Amino acid sequence: SNRVLFETYQRDVYRTCYYMVHDAADAEDLTQDVFI
C-alpha cells in the first residue's frame, strides 16, 4: 500500500535527496515528488 511504502522508504529517500542536493527544503520537495 502507499502508506506502507512511504513509511518504509521515506527516510532513505529523504537522506539520499539531502546528501545529493544539500538543501533541506529541496530534499523535502524531491522526496515528495519521488513518492508521487
PDB file of all heavy atoms in Angstrom:
ATOM      1  N   SER A   1       0.847  -1.186   0.000  1.00  0.00           N
ATOM      2  CA  SER A   1       0.000   0.000   0.000  1.00  0.00           C
ATOM      3  C   SER A   1       0.891   1.248   0.000  1.00  0.00           C
ATOM      4  O   SER A   1       2.061   1.187   0.382  1.00  0.00           O
ATOM      5  CB  SER A   1      -0.909  -0.009   1.224  1.00  0.00           C
ATOM      6  OG  SER A   1      -0.168   0.324   2.382  1.00  0.00           O
ATOM      7  N   ASN A   2       0.323   2.352  -0.406  1.00  0.00           N
ATOM      8  CA  ASN A   2       1.087   3.600  -0.462  1.00  0.00           C
ATOM      9  C   ASN A   2       1.609   4.001   0.905  1.00  0.00           C
ATOM     10  O   ASN A   2       2.737   4.467   1.029  1.00  0.00           O
ATOM     11  CB  ASN A   2       0.230   4.714  -1.054  1.00  0.00           C
ATOM     12  CG  ASN A   2      -0.011   4.508  -2.531  1.00  0.00           C
ATOM     13  OD1 ASN A   2       0.672   3.728  -3.191  1.00  0.00           O
ATOM     14  ND2 ASN A   2      -0.989   5.211  -3.074  1.00  0.00           N
ATOM     15  N   ARG A   3       0.791   3.830   1.937  1.00  0.00           N
ATOM     16  CA  ARG A   3       1.207   4.209   3.293  1.00  0.00           C
ATOM     17  C   ARG A   3       2.400   3.369   3.755  1.00  0.00           C
ATOM     18  O   ARG A   3       3.371   3.899   4.283  1.00  0.00           O
ATOM     19  CB  ARG A   3       0.054   4.063   4.265  1.00  0.00           C
ATOM     20  CG  ARG A   3       0.492   4.243   5.721  1.00  0.00           C
ATOM     21  CD  ARG A   3      -0.657   4.230   6.632  1.00  0.00           C
ATOM     22  NE  ARG A   3      -0.923   5.640   6.854  1.00  0.00           N
ATOM     23  CZ  ARG A   3      -1.824   6.101   7.664  1.00  0.00           C
ATOM     24  NH1 ARG A   3      -2.596   5.280   8.305  1.00  0.00           N
ATOM     25  NH2 ARG A   3      -1.982   7.384   7.829  1.00  0.00           N
ATOM     26  N   VAL A   4       2.340   2.071   3.552  1.00  0.00           N
ATOM     27  CA  VAL A   4       3.435   1.179   3.946  1.00  0.00           C
ATOM     28  C   VAL A   4       4.688   1.529   3.147  1.00  0.00           C
ATOM     29  O   VAL A   4       5.794   1.589   3.702  1.00  0.00           O
ATOM     30  CB  VAL A   4       3.047  -0.304   3.746  1.00  0.00           C
ATOM     31  CG1 VAL A   4       4.234  -1.220   3.945  1.00  0.00           C
ATOM     32  CG2 VAL A   4       1.912  -0.679   4.678  1.00  0.00           C
ATOM     33  N   LEU A   5       4.520   1.772   1.871  1.00  0.00           N
ATOM     34  CA  LEU A   5       5.651   2.146   1.024  1.00  0.00           C
ATOM     35  C   LEU A   5       6.307   3.421   1.552  1.00  0.00           C
ATOM     36  O   LEU A   5       7.530   3.490   1.696  1.00  0.00           O
ATOM     37  CB  LEU A   5       5.172   2.355  -0.417  1.00  0.00           C
ATOM     38  CG  LEU A   5       6.251   2.627  -1.450  1.00  0.00           C
ATOM     39  CD1 LEU A   5       6.996   1.334  -1.763  1.00  0.00           C
ATOM     40  CD2 LEU A   5       5.629   3.182  -2.720  1.00  0.00           C
ATOM     41  N   PHE A   6       5.508   4.419   1.852  1.00  0.00           N
ATOM     42  CA  PHE A   6       6.026   5.683   2.359  1.00  0.00           C
ATOM     43  C   PHE A   6       6.730   5.498   3.699  1.00  0.00           C
ATOM     44  O   PHE A   6       7.858   5.960   3.888  1.00  0.00           O
ATOM     45  CB  PHE A   6       4.906   6.717   2.492  1.00  0.00           C
ATOM     46  CG  PHE A   6       5.386   8.032   3.018  1.00  0.00           C
ATOM     47  CD1 PHE A   6       6.033   8.936   2.191  1.00  0.00           C
ATOM     48  CD2 PHE A   6       5.203   8.377   4.355  1.00  0.00           C
ATOM     49  CE1 PHE A   6       6.494  10.147   2.672  1.00  0.00           C
ATOM     50  CE2 PHE A   6       5.663   9.584   4.845  1.00  0.00           C
ATOM     51  CZ  PHE A   6       6.307  10.475   4.008  1.00  0.00           C
ATOM     52  N   GLU A   7       6.097   4.814   4.635  1.00  0.00           N
ATOM     53  CA  GLU A   7       6.674   4.619   5.963  1.00  0.00           C
ATOM     54  C   GLU A   7       7.961   3.811   5.910  1.00  0.00           C
ATOM     55  O   GLU A   7       8.877   4.040   6.686  1.00  0.00           O
ATOM     56  CB  GLU A   7       5.660   3.949   6.890  1.00  0.00           C
ATOM     57  CG  GLU A   7       4.517   4.878   7.269  1.00  0.00           C
ATOM     58  CD  GLU A   7       3.405   4.179   8.038  1.00  0.00           C
ATOM     59  OE1 GLU A   7       3.440   2.926   8.192  1.00  0.00           O
ATOM     60  OE2 GLU A   7       2.487   4.887   8.481  1.00  0.00           O
ATOM     61  N   THR A   8       8.042   2.895   4.984  1.00  0.00           N
ATOM     62  CA  THR A   8       9.219   2.034   4.876  1.00  0.00           C
ATOM     63  C   THR A   8      10.412   2.763   4.260  1.00  0.00           C
ATOM     64  O   THR A   8      11.547   2.585   4.708  1.00  0.00           O
ATOM     65  CB  THR A   8       8.892   0.783   4.028  1.00  0.00           C
ATOM     66  OG1 THR A   8       7.776   0.117   4.609  1.00  0.00           O
ATOM     67  CG2 THR A   8      10.082  -0.160   3.967  1.00  0.00           C
ATOM     68  N   TYR A   9      10.178   3.588   3.249  1.00  0.00           N
ATOM     69  CA  TYR A   9      11.293   4.130   2.470  1.00  0.00           C
ATOM     70  C   TYR A   9      11.490   5.637   2.567  1.00  0.00           C
ATOM     71  O   TYR A   9      12.457   6.157   2.016  1.00  0.00           O
ATOM     72  CB  TYR A   9      11.119   3.747   0.995  1.00  0.00           C
ATOM     73  CG  TYR A   9      11.167   2.258   0.779  1.00  0.00           C
ATOM     74  CD1 TYR A   9      10.012   1.547   0.492  1.00  0.00           C
ATOM     75  CD2 TYR A   9      12.360   1.558   0.884  1.00  0.00           C
ATOM     76  CE1 TYR A   9      10.045   0.176   0.307  1.00  0.00           C
ATOM     77  CE2 TYR A   9      12.405   0.192   0.706  1.00  0.00           C
ATOM     78  CZ  TYR A   9      11.245  -0.498   0.412  1.00  0.00           C
ATOM     79  OH  TYR A   9      11.282  -1.846   0.233  1.00  0.00           O
ATOM     80  N   GLN A  10      10.623   6.371   3.241  1.00  0.00           N
ATOM     81  CA  GLN A  10      10.723   7.826   3.212  1.00  0.00           C
ATOM     82  C   GLN A  10      12.031   8.338   3.800  1.00  0.00           C
ATOM     83  O   GLN A  10      12.613   9.282   3.299  1.00  0.00           O
ATOM     84  CB  GLN A  10       9.501   8.484   3.860  1.00  0.00           C
ATOM     85  CG  GLN A  10       9.426   8.408   5.352  1.00  0.00           C
ATOM     86  CD  GLN A  10      10.058   9.603   6.030  1.00  0.00           C
ATOM     87  OE1 GLN A  10      10.301  10.624   5.420  1.00  0.00           O
ATOM     88  NE2 GLN A  10      10.336   9.449   7.289  1.00  0.00           N
ATOM     89  N   ARG A  11      12.544   7.724   4.846  1.00  0.00           N
ATOM     90  CA  ARG A  11      13.798   8.183   5.458  1.00  0.00           C
ATOM     91  C   ARG A  11      14.970   7.990   4.485  1.00  0.00           C
ATOM     92  O   ARG A  11      15.795   8.882   4.315  1.00  0.00           O
ATOM     93  CB  ARG A  11      14.047   7.452   6.765  1.00  0.00           C
ATOM     94  CG  ARG A  11      15.388   7.860   7.387  1.00  0.00           C
ATOM     95  CD  ARG A  11      15.552   7.335   8.773  1.00  0.00           C
ATOM     96  NE  ARG A  11      15.156   8.425   9.652  1.00  0.00           N
ATOM     97  CZ  ARG A  11      14.700   8.304  10.867  1.00  0.00           C
ATOM     98  NH1 ARG A  11      14.556   7.119  11.384  1.00  0.00           N
ATOM     99  NH2 ARG A  11      14.391   9.339  11.589  1.00  0.00           N
ATOM    100  N   ASP A  12      15.028   6.829   3.825  1.00  0.00           N
ATOM    101  CA  ASP A  12      16.113   6.579   2.866  1.00  0.00           C
ATOM    102  C   ASP A  12      16.034   7.546   1.685  1.00  0.00           C
ATOM    103  O   ASP A  12      17.058   8.054   1.222  1.00  0.00           O
ATOM    104  CB  ASP A  12      16.049   5.143   2.334  1.00  0.00           C
ATOM    105  CG  ASP A  12      16.510   4.117   3.364  1.00  0.00           C
ATOM    106  OD1 ASP A  12      17.290   4.474   4.261  1.00  0.00           O
ATOM    107  OD2 ASP A  12      16.083   2.956   3.252  1.00  0.00           O
ATOM    108  N   VAL A  13      14.823   7.785   1.201  1.00  0.00           N
ATOM    109  CA  VAL A  13      14.651   8.703   0.070  1.00  0.00           C
ATOM    110  C   VAL A  13      15.063  10.114   0.478  1.00  0.00           C
ATOM    111  O   VAL A  13      15.815  10.774  -0.235  1.00  0.00           O
ATOM    112  CB  VAL A  13      13.186   8.680  -0.447  1.00  0.00           C
ATOM    113  CG1 VAL A  13      12.931   9.808  -1.437  1.00  0.00           C
ATOM    114  CG2 VAL A  13      12.870   7.333  -1.076  1.00  0.00           C
ATOM    115  N   TYR A  14      14.613  10.558   1.631  1.00  0.00           N
ATOM    116  CA  TYR A  14      14.957  11.914   2.082  1.00  0.00           C
ATOM    117  C   TYR A  14      16.460  12.054   2.276  1.00  0.00           C
ATOM    118  O   TYR A  14      17.060  13.034   1.830  1.00  0.00           O
ATOM    119  CB  TYR A  14      14.228  12.267   3.388  1.00  0.00           C
ATOM    120  CG  TYR A  14      14.628  13.633   3.871  1.00  0.00           C
ATOM    121  CD1 TYR A  14      14.034  14.775   3.341  1.00  0.00           C
ATOM    122  CD2 TYR A  14      15.637  13.798   4.808  1.00  0.00           C
ATOM    123  CE1 TYR A  14      14.415  16.035   3.740  1.00  0.00           C
ATOM    124  CE2 TYR A  14      16.032  15.048   5.211  1.00  0.00           C
ATOM    125  CZ  TYR A  14      15.420  16.167   4.688  1.00  0.00           C
ATOM    126  OH  TYR A  14      15.827  17.418   5.082  1.00  0.00           O
ATOM    127  N   ARG A  15      17.092  11.085   2.946  1.00  0.00           N
ATOM    128  CA  ARG A  15      18.541  11.169   3.190  1.00  0.00           C
ATOM    129  C   ARG A  15      19.308  11.213   1.874  1.00  0.00           C
ATOM    130  O   ARG A  15      20.252  11.980   1.726  1.00  0.00           O
ATOM    131  CB  ARG A  15      19.016   9.985   4.031  1.00  0.00           C
ATOM    132  CG  ARG A  15      18.661  10.139   5.486  1.00  0.00           C
ATOM    133  CD  ARG A  15      19.109   8.999   6.340  1.00  0.00           C
ATOM    134  NE  ARG A  15      20.204   8.245   5.789  1.00  0.00           N
ATOM    135  CZ  ARG A  15      20.789   7.229   6.374  1.00  0.00           C
ATOM    136  NH1 ARG A  15      20.370   6.832   7.547  1.00  0.00           N
ATOM    137  NH2 ARG A  15      21.778   6.583   5.810  1.00  0.00           N
ATOM    138  N   THR A  16      18.902  10.401   0.919  1.00  0.00           N
ATOM    139  CA  THR A  16      19.572  10.411  -0.383  1.00  0.00           C
ATOM    140  C   THR A  16      19.417  11.776  -1.040  1.00  0.00           C
ATOM    141  O   THR A  16      20.391  12.347  -1.544  1.00  0.00           O
ATOM    142  CB  THR A  16      18.999   9.304  -1.293  1.00  0.00           C
ATOM    143  OG1 THR A  16      19.209   8.042  -0.662  1.00  0.00           O
ATOM    144  CG2 THR A  16      19.676   9.314  -2.656  1.00  0.00           C
ATOM    145  N   CYS A  17      18.211  12.289  -1.036  1.00  0.00           N
ATOM    146  CA  CYS A  17      17.971  13.621  -1.621  1.00  0.00           C
ATOM    147  C   CYS A  17      18.801  14.677  -0.908  1.00  0.00           C
ATOM    148  O   CYS A  17      19.435  15.526  -1.545  1.00  0.00           O
ATOM    149  CB  CYS A  17      16.492  13.988  -1.543  1.00  0.00           C
ATOM    150  SG  CYS A  17      15.426  13.000  -2.600  1.00  0.00           S
ATOM    151  N   TYR A  18      18.824  14.625   0.409  1.00  0.00           N
ATOM    152  CA  TYR A  18      19.563  15.633   1.176  1.00  0.00           C
ATOM    153  C   TYR A  18      21.054  15.583   0.861  1.00  0.00           C
ATOM    154  O   TYR A  18      21.681  16.603   0.639  1.00  0.00           O
ATOM    155  CB  TYR A  18      19.324  15.447   2.671  1.00  0.00           C
ATOM    156  CG  TYR A  18      20.074  16.468   3.490  1.00  0.00           C
ATOM    157  CD1 TYR A  18      19.585  17.761   3.621  1.00  0.00           C
ATOM    158  CD2 TYR A  18      21.276  16.158   4.102  1.00  0.00           C
ATOM    159  CE1 TYR A  18      20.266  18.707   4.347  1.00  0.00           C
ATOM    160  CE2 TYR A  18      21.967  17.097   4.828  1.00  0.00           C
ATOM    161  CZ  TYR A  18      21.457  18.375   4.953  1.00  0.00           C
ATOM    162  OH  TYR A  18      22.159  19.315   5.666  1.00  0.00           O
ATOM    163  N   TYR A  19      21.617  14.384   0.833  1.00  0.00           N
ATOM    164  CA  TYR A  19      23.046  14.268   0.554  1.00  0.00           C
ATOM    165  C   TYR A  19      23.393  14.641  -0.879  1.00  0.00           C
ATOM    166  O   TYR A  19      24.510  15.029  -1.171  1.00  0.00           O
ATOM    167  CB  TYR A  19      23.571  12.867   0.881  1.00  0.00           C
ATOM    168  CG  TYR A  19      23.911  12.736   2.341  1.00  0.00           C
ATOM    169  CD1 TYR A  19      23.018  12.153   3.223  1.00  0.00           C
ATOM    170  CD2 TYR A  19      25.094  13.231   2.850  1.00  0.00           C
ATOM    171  CE1 TYR A  19      23.309  12.051   4.570  1.00  0.00           C
ATOM    172  CE2 TYR A  19      25.397  13.138   4.189  1.00  0.00           C
ATOM    173  CZ  TYR A  19      24.509  12.550   5.049  1.00  0.00           C
ATOM    174  OH  TYR A  19      24.804  12.467   6.372  1.00  0.00           O
ATOM    175  N   MET A  20      22.439  14.546  -1.779  1.00  0.00           N
ATOM    176  CA  MET A  20      22.730  14.916  -3.165  1.00  0.00           C
ATOM    177  C   MET A  20      22.544  16.405  -3.419  1.00  0.00           C
ATOM    178  O   MET A  20      23.300  16.990  -4.174  1.00  0.00           O
ATOM    179  CB  MET A  20      21.882  14.091  -4.126  1.00  0.00           C
ATOM    180  CG  MET A  20      22.350  12.643  -4.168  1.00  0.00           C
ATOM    181  SD  MET A  20      21.722  11.736  -5.546  1.00  0.00           S
ATOM    182  CE  MET A  20      22.446  12.585  -6.923  1.00  0.00           C
ATOM    183  N   VAL A  21      21.533  17.035  -2.804  1.00  0.00           N
ATOM    184  CA  VAL A  21      21.260  18.441  -3.110  1.00  0.00           C
ATOM    185  C   VAL A  21      21.678  19.389  -1.993  1.00  0.00           C
ATOM    186  O   VAL A  21      21.747  20.596  -2.211  1.00  0.00           O
ATOM    187  CB  VAL A  21      19.778  18.689  -3.479  1.00  0.00           C
ATOM    188  CG1 VAL A  21      19.383  17.872  -4.687  1.00  0.00           C
ATOM    189  CG2 VAL A  21      18.848  18.424  -2.316  1.00  0.00           C
ATOM    190  N   HIS A  22      21.920  18.870  -0.794  1.00  0.00           N
ATOM    191  CA  HIS A  22      22.413  19.658   0.342  1.00  0.00           C
ATOM    192  C   HIS A  22      21.535  20.841   0.710  1.00  0.00           C
ATOM    193  O   HIS A  22      22.028  21.892   1.095  1.00  0.00           O
ATOM    194  CB  HIS A  22      23.850  20.124   0.099  1.00  0.00           C
ATOM    195  CG  HIS A  22      24.777  18.990  -0.088  1.00  0.00           C
ATOM    196  ND1 HIS A  22      25.163  18.173   0.934  1.00  0.00           N
ATOM    197  CD2 HIS A  22      25.360  18.502  -1.196  1.00  0.00           C
ATOM    198  CE1 HIS A  22      25.958  17.239   0.471  1.00  0.00           C
ATOM    199  NE2 HIS A  22      26.094  17.409  -0.820  1.00  0.00           N
ATOM    200  N   ASP A  23      20.255  20.666   0.581  1.00  0.00           N
ATOM    201  CA  ASP A  23      19.317  21.699   0.986  1.00  0.00           C
ATOM    202  C   ASP A  23      18.073  20.996   1.509  1.00  0.00           C
ATOM    203  O   ASP A  23      17.450  20.221   0.792  1.00  0.00           O
ATOM    204  CB  ASP A  23      18.980  22.596  -0.205  1.00  0.00           C
ATOM    205  CG  ASP A  23      18.030  23.702   0.183  1.00  0.00           C
ATOM    206  OD1 ASP A  23      18.521  24.769   0.594  1.00  0.00           O
ATOM    207  OD2 ASP A  23      16.813  23.484   0.068  1.00  0.00           O
ATOM    208  N   ALA A  24      17.726  21.275   2.755  1.00  0.00           N
ATOM    209  CA  ALA A  24      16.621  20.571   3.408  1.00  0.00           C
ATOM    210  C   ALA A  24      15.298  20.779   2.678  1.00  0.00           C
ATOM    211  O   ALA A  24      14.542  19.823   2.470  1.00  0.00           O
ATOM    212  CB  ALA A  24      16.509  21.012   4.860  1.00  0.00           C
ATOM    213  N   ALA A  25      15.008  22.010   2.296  1.00  0.00           N
ATOM    214  CA  ALA A  25      13.732  22.293   1.629  1.00  0.00           C
ATOM    215  C   ALA A  25      13.652  21.579   0.284  1.00  0.00           C
ATOM    216  O   ALA A  25      12.618  20.983  -0.054  1.00  0.00           O
ATOM    217  CB  ALA A  25      13.551  23.793   1.450  1.00  0.00           C
ATOM    218  N   ASP A  26      14.738  21.635  -0.495  1.00  0.00           N
ATOM    219  CA  ASP A  26      14.759  20.943  -1.783  1.00  0.00           C
ATOM    220  C   ASP A  26      14.648  19.430  -1.589  1.00  0.00           C
ATOM    221  O   ASP A  26      13.980  18.743  -2.370  1.00  0.00           O
ATOM    222  CB  ASP A  26      16.034  21.274  -2.561  1.00  0.00           C
ATOM    223  CG  ASP A  26      16.021  22.678  -3.132  1.00  0.00           C
ATOM    224  OD1 ASP A  26      14.934  23.306  -3.163  1.00  0.00           O
ATOM    225  OD2 ASP A  26      17.095  23.151  -3.544  1.00  0.00           O
ATOM    226  N   ALA A  27      15.315  18.902  -0.558  1.00  0.00           N
ATOM    227  CA  ALA A  27      15.257  17.465  -0.291  1.00  0.00           C
ATOM    228  C   ALA A  27      13.828  17.044   0.061  1.00  0.00           C
ATOM    229  O   ALA A  27      13.356  15.987  -0.384  1.00  0.00           O
ATOM    230  CB  ALA A  27      16.209  17.091   0.834  1.00  0.00           C
ATOM    231  N   GLU A  28      13.130  17.869   0.830  1.00  0.00           N
ATOM    232  CA  GLU A  28      11.739  17.564   1.169  1.00  0.00           C
ATOM    233  C   GLU A  28      10.869  17.582  -0.084  1.00  0.00           C
ATOM    234  O   GLU A  28      10.022  16.697  -0.277  1.00  0.00           O
ATOM    235  CB  GLU A  28      11.213  18.557   2.194  1.00  0.00           C
ATOM    236  CG  GLU A  28      11.817  18.363   3.574  1.00  0.00           C
ATOM    237  CD  GLU A  28      11.438  19.464   4.549  1.00  0.00           C
ATOM    238  OE1 GLU A  28      10.594  20.315   4.203  1.00  0.00           O
ATOM    239  OE2 GLU A  28      11.994  19.466   5.654  1.00  0.00           O
ATOM    240  N   ASP A  29      11.056  18.581  -0.928  1.00  0.00           N
ATOM    241  CA  ASP A  29      10.282  18.669  -2.170  1.00  0.00           C
ATOM    242  C   ASP A  29      10.561  17.476  -3.081  1.00  0.00           C
ATOM    243  O   ASP A  29       9.643  16.896  -3.672  1.00  0.00           O
ATOM    244  CB  ASP A  29      10.604  19.971  -2.918  1.00  0.00           C
ATOM    245  CG  ASP A  29      10.078  21.207  -2.205  1.00  0.00           C
ATOM    246  OD1 ASP A  29       9.207  21.059  -1.310  1.00  0.00           O
ATOM    247  OD2 ASP A  29      10.544  22.311  -2.536  1.00  0.00           O
ATOM    248  N   LEU A  30      11.838  17.132  -3.208  1.00  0.00           N
ATOM    249  CA  LEU A  30      12.200  15.996  -4.057  1.00  0.00           C
ATOM    250  C   LEU A  30      11.634  14.689  -3.503  1.00  0.00           C
ATOM    251  O   LEU A  30      11.180  13.824  -4.263  1.00  0.00           O
ATOM    252  CB  LEU A  30      13.722  15.904  -4.211  1.00  0.00           C
ATOM    253  CG  LEU A  30      14.341  16.936  -5.143  1.00  0.00           C
ATOM    254  CD1 LEU A  30      15.845  17.010  -4.950  1.00  0.00           C
ATOM    255  CD2 LEU A  30      14.000  16.613  -6.582  1.00  0.00           C
ATOM    256  N   THR A  31      11.666  14.540  -2.177  1.00  0.00           N
ATOM    257  CA  THR A  31      11.104  13.340  -1.551  1.00  0.00           C
ATOM    258  C   THR A  31       9.623  13.227  -1.891  1.00  0.00           C
ATOM    259  O   THR A  31       9.134  12.159  -2.265  1.00  0.00           O
ATOM    260  CB  THR A  31      11.301  13.379  -0.023  1.00  0.00           C
ATOM    261  OG1 THR A  31      12.703  13.418   0.253  1.00  0.00           O
ATOM    262  CG2 THR A  31      10.681  12.166   0.652  1.00  0.00           C
ATOM    263  N   GLN A  32       8.923  14.345  -1.794  1.00  0.00           N
ATOM    264  CA  GLN A  32       7.501  14.354  -2.127  1.00  0.00           C
ATOM    265  C   GLN A  32       7.288  13.981  -3.604  1.00  0.00           C
ATOM    266  O   GLN A  32       6.422  13.169  -3.929  1.00  0.00           O
ATOM    267  CB  GLN A  32       6.933  15.735  -1.835  1.00  0.00           C
ATOM    268  CG  GLN A  32       5.443  15.810  -1.870  1.00  0.00           C
ATOM    269  CD  GLN A  32       4.931  17.159  -1.402  1.00  0.00           C
ATOM    270  OE1 GLN A  32       5.536  18.182  -1.692  1.00  0.00           O
ATOM    271  NE2 GLN A  32       3.817  17.148  -0.699  1.00  0.00           N
ATOM    272  N   ASP A  33       8.098  14.551  -4.486  1.00  0.00           N
ATOM    273  CA  ASP A  33       7.995  14.238  -5.916  1.00  0.00           C
ATOM    274  C   ASP A  33       8.253  12.761  -6.193  1.00  0.00           C
ATOM    275  O   ASP A  33       7.578  12.142  -7.025  1.00  0.00           O
ATOM    276  CB  ASP A  33       8.979  15.090  -6.728  1.00  0.00           C
ATOM    277  CG  ASP A  33       8.620  16.555  -6.771  1.00  0.00           C
ATOM    278  OD1 ASP A  33       7.460  16.898  -6.443  1.00  0.00           O
ATOM    279  OD2 ASP A  33       9.500  17.366  -7.125  1.00  0.00           O
ATOM    280  N   VAL A  34       9.257  12.200  -5.505  1.00  0.00           N
ATOM    281  CA  VAL A  34       9.579  10.783  -5.689  1.00  0.00           C
ATOM    282  C   VAL A  34       8.381   9.922  -5.306  1.00  0.00           C
ATOM    283  O   VAL A  34       7.984   9.019  -6.054  1.00  0.00           O
ATOM    284  CB  VAL A  34      10.834  10.384  -4.875  1.00  0.00           C
ATOM    285  CG1 VAL A  34      10.976   8.863  -4.806  1.00  0.00           C
ATOM    286  CG2 VAL A  34      12.086  11.002  -5.478  1.00  0.00           C
ATOM    287  N   PHE A  35       7.776  10.216  -4.162  1.00  0.00           N
ATOM    288  CA  PHE A  35       6.649   9.393  -3.729  1.00  0.00           C
ATOM    289  C   PHE A  35       5.413   9.592  -4.594  1.00  0.00           C
ATOM    290  O   PHE A  35       4.657   8.647  -4.811  1.00  0.00           O
ATOM    291  CB  PHE A  35       6.354   9.597  -2.238  1.00  0.00           C
ATOM    292  CG  PHE A  35       7.302   8.799  -1.383  1.00  0.00           C
ATOM    293  CD1 PHE A  35       8.389   9.397  -0.780  1.00  0.00           C
ATOM    294  CD2 PHE A  35       7.128   7.431  -1.226  1.00  0.00           C
ATOM    295  CE1 PHE A  35       9.279   8.660  -0.026  1.00  0.00           C
ATOM    296  CE2 PHE A  35       8.014   6.679  -0.481  1.00  0.00           C
ATOM    297  CZ  PHE A  35       9.097   7.293   0.121  1.00  0.00           C
ATOM    298  N   ILE A  36       5.217  10.772  -5.126  1.00  0.00           N
ATOM    299  CA  ILE A  36       4.111  10.976  -6.069  1.00  0.00           C
ATOM    300  C   ILE A  36       4.333  10.091  -7.294  1.00  0.00           C
ATOM    301  O   ILE A  36       3.412   9.423  -7.773  1.00  0.00           O
ATOM    302  CB  ILE A  36       3.981  12.462  -6.453  1.00  0.00           C
ATOM    303  CG1 ILE A  36       3.424  13.255  -5.265  1.00  0.00           C
ATOM    304  CG2 ILE A  36       3.093  12.635  -7.684  1.00  0.00           C
ATOM    305  CD1 ILE A  36       3.469  14.756  -5.438  1.00  0.00           C
TER     306      ILE A  36
END
